[in-house]
Protein backbone atom coordinates (compact mmCIF):
# COMPACT_ATOMS: atom_id res chain seq x y z
CA UNK A 1 7.68 15.58 -24.06
CA UNK A 2 7.25 12.13 -24.71
CA UNK A 3 9.91 10.62 -22.80
CA UNK A 4 9.15 12.85 -19.99
CA UNK A 5 5.31 11.68 -19.73
CA UNK A 6 6.64 7.60 -20.08
CA UNK A 7 9.54 8.84 -17.72
CA UNK A 8 6.54 9.87 -15.30
CA UNK A 9 4.37 6.95 -16.23
CA UNK A 10 7.26 4.84 -14.87
CA UNK A 11 8.06 6.61 -11.60
CA UNK A 12 3.62 6.33 -11.21
CA UNK A 13 3.78 2.52 -11.25
CA UNK A 14 6.81 2.50 -9.40
CA UNK A 15 4.97 4.23 -6.24
CA UNK A 16 2.63 1.57 -6.72
CA UNK A 17 4.79 -0.87 -6.14
CA UNK A 18 6.33 0.25 -3.16
CA UNK A 19 2.85 0.78 -1.70
CA UNK A 20 2.37 -2.80 -2.57
CA UNK A 21 5.73 -3.82 -0.93
CA UNK A 22 5.06 -1.60 1.91
CA UNK A 23 1.44 -3.34 2.51
CA UNK A 24 3.35 -6.71 1.57
CA UNK A 25 6.63 -5.99 3.92
CA UNK A 26 3.75 -5.42 6.86
CA UNK A 27 1.38 -8.51 6.65
CA UNK A 28 4.98 -10.34 6.15
CA UNK A 29 6.00 -8.45 10.08
CA UNK A 30 2.57 -9.20 11.83
CA UNK A 31 2.30 -12.66 10.20
CA UNK A 32 5.98 -13.91 11.56
CA UNK A 33 5.60 -11.80 15.12
CA UNK A 34 2.39 -12.66 16.00
CA UNK A 35 3.14 -15.66 18.08
CA UNK A 36 5.39 -13.50 20.05
CA UNK A 37 4.32 -11.49 23.08
CA UNK A 38 4.45 -8.39 20.83
CA UNK A 39 3.65 -7.93 17.67
CA UNK A 40 5.06 -5.61 15.22
CA UNK A 41 3.57 -2.59 14.22
CA UNK A 42 3.33 -0.98 10.95
CA UNK A 43 3.47 1.86 8.77
CA UNK A 44 -0.12 2.91 8.10
CA UNK A 45 0.29 5.73 6.49
CA UNK A 46 2.96 4.87 4.12
CA UNK A 47 1.63 2.81 1.53
CA UNK A 48 -1.39 5.22 1.27
CA UNK A 49 1.48 8.16 0.00
CA UNK A 50 2.38 5.98 -2.48
CA UNK A 51 -1.16 5.27 -3.79
CA UNK A 52 -2.19 8.89 -3.86
CA UNK A 53 1.14 9.63 -5.79
CA UNK A 54 0.21 6.93 -8.11
CA UNK A 55 -2.94 8.18 -8.91
CA UNK A 56 -1.86 12.27 -9.60
CA UNK A 57 1.21 11.45 -11.62
CA UNK A 58 -1.79 9.50 -13.77
CA UNK A 59 -4.28 11.94 -13.64
CA UNK A 60 -1.33 15.14 -14.33
CA UNK A 61 -0.14 12.99 -17.42
CA UNK A 62 -4.51 12.60 -18.39
CA UNK A 63 -4.03 9.19 -17.63
CA UNK A 64 -6.54 6.93 -16.09
CA UNK A 65 -5.86 6.62 -12.62
CA UNK A 66 -7.71 3.57 -11.84
CA UNK A 67 -9.57 4.79 -9.27
CA UNK A 68 -11.72 1.34 -8.62
CA UNK A 69 -8.41 -0.66 -8.29
CA UNK A 70 -6.95 2.35 -6.03
CA UNK A 71 -9.98 2.35 -3.81
CA UNK A 72 -9.75 -1.37 -3.49
CA UNK A 73 -6.08 -0.70 -2.51
CA UNK A 74 -7.32 1.51 0.03
CA UNK A 75 -9.46 -0.80 1.63
CA UNK A 76 -6.81 -3.89 1.30
CA UNK A 77 -4.48 -1.16 3.21
CA UNK A 78 -6.47 -0.60 5.78
CA UNK A 79 -7.77 -4.65 6.47
CA UNK A 80 -3.85 -4.72 6.29
CA UNK A 81 -3.24 -2.29 8.91
CA UNK A 82 -6.19 -2.45 11.12
CA UNK A 83 -7.67 -5.54 10.56
CA UNK A 84 -5.03 -8.02 10.89
CA UNK A 85 -3.66 -7.24 14.08
CA UNK A 86 -6.59 -7.17 15.71
CA UNK A 87 -7.41 -10.59 13.84
CA UNK A 88 -3.92 -12.21 14.95
CA UNK A 89 -4.35 -10.38 18.71
CA UNK A 90 -7.59 -12.39 18.86
CA UNK A 91 -5.81 -15.66 17.78
CA UNK A 92 -3.21 -15.39 20.03
CA UNK A 93 -5.54 -14.66 23.43
């Protein structure tokens, strides 16, 4: 049973890493295409799904789900998806 719990915990951390990677890729695409006529679009919900799955797996295993950290990640995600494109568009104009 401990092996299954350890694998589930590893999966949770992997999902968190995927969410961070998705947000990082979005920032990279936005910054590199900001000078062009059209900017790249991100994937607004995907990283949030990864973050939610991380929290649900950790909660199912009766482990701490790092709610303050996840709230901060969600705020950063919102800034990446909606704040950064607006900021870059203003600088371009």
